[in-house]
Amino acid sequence: MLDPATFRCVRCGACCRVPGYVALGAGEPEAIAAFLGINVYAFTDTYTTLTFNRSVLSLIEQEDGRCVFLQDDNTCRIQPVKPAQCKGFPFLWRTKTLERNCAAWQESACRSRGGDTGTDTDESGR
């Protein structure tokens, strides 16, 4: 089990590279727009899309699949106002792919087992 007291994000960016939606909750578009210094309509037009069921706004992805706000140094451009979904990783949600690819997850899981911090990979290198 992952221990919140010992988990320390190492800014590997794995969680920001997983394909899928980053759903925005109530008030999040407005907070992000204000942080970026643009109006909410410019924010939604530039940085969001509707989910498949057309009921929730989601952040768009860059061409390589990473979050539009993930910067080249693996930091989040909107860190102070990032969506609740992002803040919830890895304690409120995670996937098997992220468990394999998140460096901090691997280190924390290894510590909880009492082993070294080496990571296991599958045949694809993940």
C-alpha atoms as a PDB file:
ATOM      1  CA  MET A   1       0.000   0.000   0.000  1.00  0.00           C
ATOM      2  CA  LEU A   2       1.274   3.456  -0.890  1.00  0.00           C
ATOM      3  CA  ASP A   3       2.001   5.561   2.203  1.00  0.00           C
ATOM      4  CA  PRO A   4       1.101   9.256   1.821  1.00  0.00           C
ATOM      5  CA  ALA A   5       3.602  10.088   4.552  1.00  0.00           C
ATOM      6  CA  THR A   6       6.533   8.758   2.535  1.00  0.00           C
ATOM      7  CA  PHE A   7       5.447   9.414  -1.061  1.00  0.00           C
ATOM      8  CA  ARG A   8       7.473  12.259  -2.573  1.00  0.00           C
ATOM      9  CA  CYS A   9       6.858  13.333  -6.145  1.00  0.00           C
ATOM     10  CA  VAL A  10      10.128  13.456  -8.096  1.00  0.00           C
ATOM     11  CA  ARG A  11       8.627  15.387 -11.029  1.00  0.00           C
ATOM     12  CA  CYS A  12       9.113  12.580 -13.556  1.00  0.00           C
ATOM     13  CA  GLY A  13       6.017  13.756 -15.454  1.00  0.00           C
ATOM     14  CA  ALA A  14       4.600  10.246 -15.948  1.00  0.00           C
ATOM     15  CA  CYS A  15       1.198  11.205 -14.541  1.00  0.00           C
ATOM     16  CA  CYS A  16       0.962  14.077 -17.031  1.00  0.00           C
ATOM     17  CA  ARG A  17       1.760  11.860 -20.008  1.00  0.00           C
ATOM     18  CA  VAL A  18      -1.000   9.280 -19.623  1.00  0.00           C
ATOM     19  CA  PRO A  19      -3.614   9.518 -22.376  1.00  0.00           C
ATOM     20  CA  GLY A  20      -7.109  10.394 -21.251  1.00  0.00           C
ATOM     21  CA  TYR A  21      -9.145  13.181 -19.793  1.00  0.00           C
ATOM     22  CA  VAL A  22      -8.170  15.720 -17.177  1.00  0.00           C
ATOM     23  CA  ALA A  23     -11.696  16.657 -16.207  1.00  0.00           C
ATOM     24  CA  LEU A  24     -12.275  20.130 -14.865  1.00  0.00           C
ATOM     25  CA  GLY A  25     -14.567  20.581 -11.893  1.00  0.00           C
ATOM     26  CA  ALA A  26     -16.733  23.502 -10.868  1.00  0.00           C
ATOM     27  CA  GLY A  27     -14.734  26.716 -10.681  1.00  0.00           C
ATOM     28  CA  GLU A  28     -11.531  25.237 -12.088  1.00  0.00           C
ATOM     29  CA  PRO A  29     -11.766  26.837 -15.561  1.00  0.00           C
ATOM     30  CA  GLU A  30     -12.245  30.229 -13.948  1.00  0.00           C
ATOM     31  CA  ALA A  31      -9.336  29.728 -11.522  1.00  0.00           C
ATOM     32  CA  ILE A  32      -6.957  28.570 -14.250  1.00  0.00           C
ATOM     33  CA  ALA A  33      -8.011  31.387 -16.587  1.00  0.00           C
ATOM     34  CA  ALA A  34      -7.439  33.975 -13.850  1.00  0.00           C
ATOM     35  CA  PHE A  35      -4.020  32.456 -13.082  1.00  0.00           C
ATOM     36  CA  LEU A  36      -3.095  32.662 -16.775  1.00  0.00           C
ATOM     37  CA  GLY A  37      -4.407  36.232 -16.973  1.00  0.00           C
ATOM     38  CA  ILE A  38      -6.998  35.507 -19.660  1.00  0.00           C
ATOM     39  CA  ASN A  39     -10.776  35.440 -19.653  1.00  0.00           C
ATOM     40  CA  VAL A  40     -12.529  32.138 -19.134  1.00  0.00           C
ATOM     41  CA  TYR A  41     -13.802  32.002 -22.725  1.00  0.00           C
ATOM     42  CA  ALA A  42     -10.295  32.387 -24.142  1.00  0.00           C
ATOM     43  CA  PHE A  43      -9.126  29.674 -21.741  1.00  0.00           C
ATOM     44  CA  THR A  44     -11.848  27.199 -22.712  1.00  0.00           C
ATOM     45  CA  ASP A  45     -11.378  27.878 -26.431  1.00  0.00           C
ATOM     46  CA  THR A  46      -7.603  27.459 -26.273  1.00  0.00           C
ATOM     47  CA  TYR A  47      -6.985  24.818 -23.620  1.00  0.00           C
ATOM     48  CA  THR A  48     -10.060  22.591 -23.289  1.00  0.00           C
ATOM     49  CA  THR A  49     -12.277  20.152 -25.134  1.00  0.00           C
ATOM     50  CA  LEU A  50     -15.543  18.453 -24.293  1.00  0.00           C
ATOM     51  CA  THR A  51     -15.388  14.857 -23.095  1.00  0.00           C
ATOM     52  CA  PHE A  52     -17.000  12.179 -25.269  1.00  0.00           C
ATOM     53  CA  ASN A  53     -20.358  12.528 -23.502  1.00  0.00           C
ATOM     54  CA  ARG A  54     -20.234  16.313 -23.949  1.00  0.00           C
ATOM     55  CA  SER A  55     -20.858  16.935 -20.258  1.00  0.00           C
ATOM     56  CA  VAL A  56     -17.420  17.844 -18.874  1.00  0.00           C
ATOM     57  CA  LEU A  57     -14.576  20.079 -20.004  1.00  0.00           C
ATOM     58  CA  SER A  58     -11.171  18.439 -20.182  1.00  0.00           C
ATOM     59  CA  LEU A  59      -7.712  19.906 -20.697  1.00  0.00           C
ATOM     60  CA  ILE A  60      -6.365  19.242 -24.175  1.00  0.00           C
ATOM     61  CA  GLU A  61      -3.229  17.234 -24.858  1.00  0.00           C
ATOM     62  CA  GLN A  62      -0.127  18.254 -26.756  1.00  0.00           C
ATOM     63  CA  GLU A  63       0.694  16.414 -29.984  1.00  0.00           C
ATOM     64  CA  ASP A  64       2.749  13.820 -28.086  1.00  0.00           C
ATOM     65  CA  GLY A  65      -0.139  13.098 -25.684  1.00  0.00           C
ATOM     66  CA  ARG A  66       1.105  14.974 -22.651  1.00  0.00           C
ATOM     67  CA  CYS A  67      -0.957  17.567 -20.806  1.00  0.00           C
ATOM     68  CA  VAL A  68      -0.988  20.951 -22.456  1.00  0.00           C
ATOM     69  CA  PHE A  69       0.405  22.473 -19.246  1.00  0.00           C
ATOM     70  CA  LEU A  70       3.311  20.048 -18.735  1.00  0.00           C
ATOM     71  CA  GLN A  71       6.488  21.982 -19.419  1.00  0.00           C
ATOM     72  CA  ASP A  72       9.733  20.592 -20.833  1.00  0.00           C
ATOM     73  CA  ASP A  73      11.281  20.423 -17.344  1.00  0.00           C
ATOM     74  CA  ASN A  74       8.349  18.246 -16.133  1.00  0.00           C
ATOM     75  CA  THR A  75       6.820  21.047 -14.074  1.00  0.00           C
ATOM     76  CA  CYS A  76       3.211  22.127 -14.296  1.00  0.00           C
ATOM     77  CA  ARG A  77       2.638  25.571 -15.757  1.00  0.00           C
ATOM     78  CA  ILE A  78      -0.509  25.932 -13.626  1.00  0.00           C
ATOM     79  CA  GLN A  79       0.768  24.208 -10.447  1.00  0.00           C
ATOM     80  CA  PRO A  80      -0.888  26.607  -7.954  1.00  0.00           C
ATOM     81  CA  VAL A  81      -4.313  26.070  -9.564  1.00  0.00           C
ATOM     82  CA  LYS A  82      -3.992  22.625 -11.117  1.00  0.00           C
ATOM     83  CA  PRO A  83      -7.221  20.586 -11.279  1.00  0.00           C
ATOM     84  CA  ALA A  84      -8.369  18.397  -8.388  1.00  0.00           C
ATOM     85  CA  GLN A  85      -7.883  15.340 -10.596  1.00  0.00           C
ATOM     86  CA  CYS A  86      -4.173  16.149 -10.851  1.00  0.00           C
ATOM     87  CA  LYS A  87      -3.881  16.814  -7.131  1.00  0.00           C
ATOM     88  CA  GLY A  88      -5.485  13.438  -6.441  1.00  0.00           C
ATOM     89  CA  PHE A  89      -2.746  11.340  -8.018  1.00  0.00           C
ATOM     90  CA  PRO A  90      -1.674   8.789  -6.781  1.00  0.00           C
ATOM     91  CA  PHE A  91      -3.924   8.597  -3.727  1.00  0.00           C
ATOM     92  CA  LEU A  92      -7.378   9.122  -5.239  1.00  0.00           C
ATOM     93  CA  TRP A  93      -6.679   7.518  -8.627  1.00  0.00           C
ATOM     94  CA  ARG A  94      -3.961   5.668 -10.492  1.00  0.00           C
ATOM     95  CA  THR A  95      -3.556   3.128 -13.254  1.00  0.00           C
ATOM     96  CA  LYS A  96      -1.335   0.089 -13.697  1.00  0.00           C
ATOM     97  CA  THR A  97       0.603   1.992 -16.375  1.00  0.00           C
ATOM     98  CA  LEU A  98       1.325   4.787 -13.908  1.00  0.00           C
ATOM     99  CA  GLU A  99       2.316   2.346 -11.202  1.00  0.00           C
ATOM    100  CA  ARG A 100       4.933   1.008 -13.632  1.00  0.00           C
ATOM    101  CA  ASN A 101       6.112   4.389 -14.935  1.00  0.00           C
ATOM    102  CA  CYS A 102       5.970   6.797 -11.981  1.00  0.00           C
ATOM    103  CA  ALA A 103       9.452   6.979 -10.433  1.00  0.00           C
ATOM    104  CA  ALA A 104       8.133   8.170  -7.060  1.00  0.00           C
ATOM    105  CA  TRP A 105       5.530   5.380  -6.998  1.00  0.00           C
ATOM    106  CA  GLN A 106       8.264   2.826  -7.616  1.00  0.00           C
ATOM    107  CA  GLU A 107      10.495   4.259  -4.875  1.00  0.00           C
ATOM    108  CA  SER A 108       7.669   4.449  -2.344  1.00  0.00           C
ATOM    109  CA  ALA A 109       6.365   0.975  -3.143  1.00  0.00           C
ATOM    110  CA  CYS A 110       9.863  -0.452  -2.848  1.00  0.00           C
ATOM    111  CA  ARG A 111      10.416   1.242   0.531  1.00  0.00           C
ATOM    112  CA  SER A 112       7.135  -0.174   1.823  1.00  0.00           C
ATOM    113  CA  ARG A 113       8.342  -3.670   0.816  1.00  0.00           C
ATOM    114  CA  GLY A 114      11.707  -3.040   2.472  1.00  0.00           C
ATOM    115  CA  GLY A 115      13.699  -3.435  -0.760  1.00  0.00           C
ATOM    116  CA  ASP A 116      15.943  -1.329  -2.935  1.00  0.00           C
ATOM    117  CA  THR A 117      14.550   1.412  -5.160  1.00  0.00           C
ATOM    118  CA  GLY A 118      15.208  -0.262  -8.512  1.00  0.00           C
ATOM    119  CA  THR A 119      12.249  -0.444 -10.852  1.00  0.00           C
ATOM    120  CA  ASP A 120      10.898  -3.480 -12.587  1.00  0.00           C
ATOM    121  CA  THR A 121      10.026  -3.165 -16.239  1.00  0.00           C
ATOM    122  CA  ASP A 122       7.976  -5.261 -18.599  1.00  0.00           C
ATOM    123  CA  GLU A 123       9.173  -6.306 -22.030  1.00  0.00           C
ATOM    124  CA  SER A 124       8.176  -2.929 -23.520  1.00  0.00           C
ATOM    125  CA  GLY A 125      10.441  -1.036 -21.137  1.00  0.00           C
ATOM    126  CA  ARG A 126       7.551   0.309 -19.067  1.00  0.00           C
END
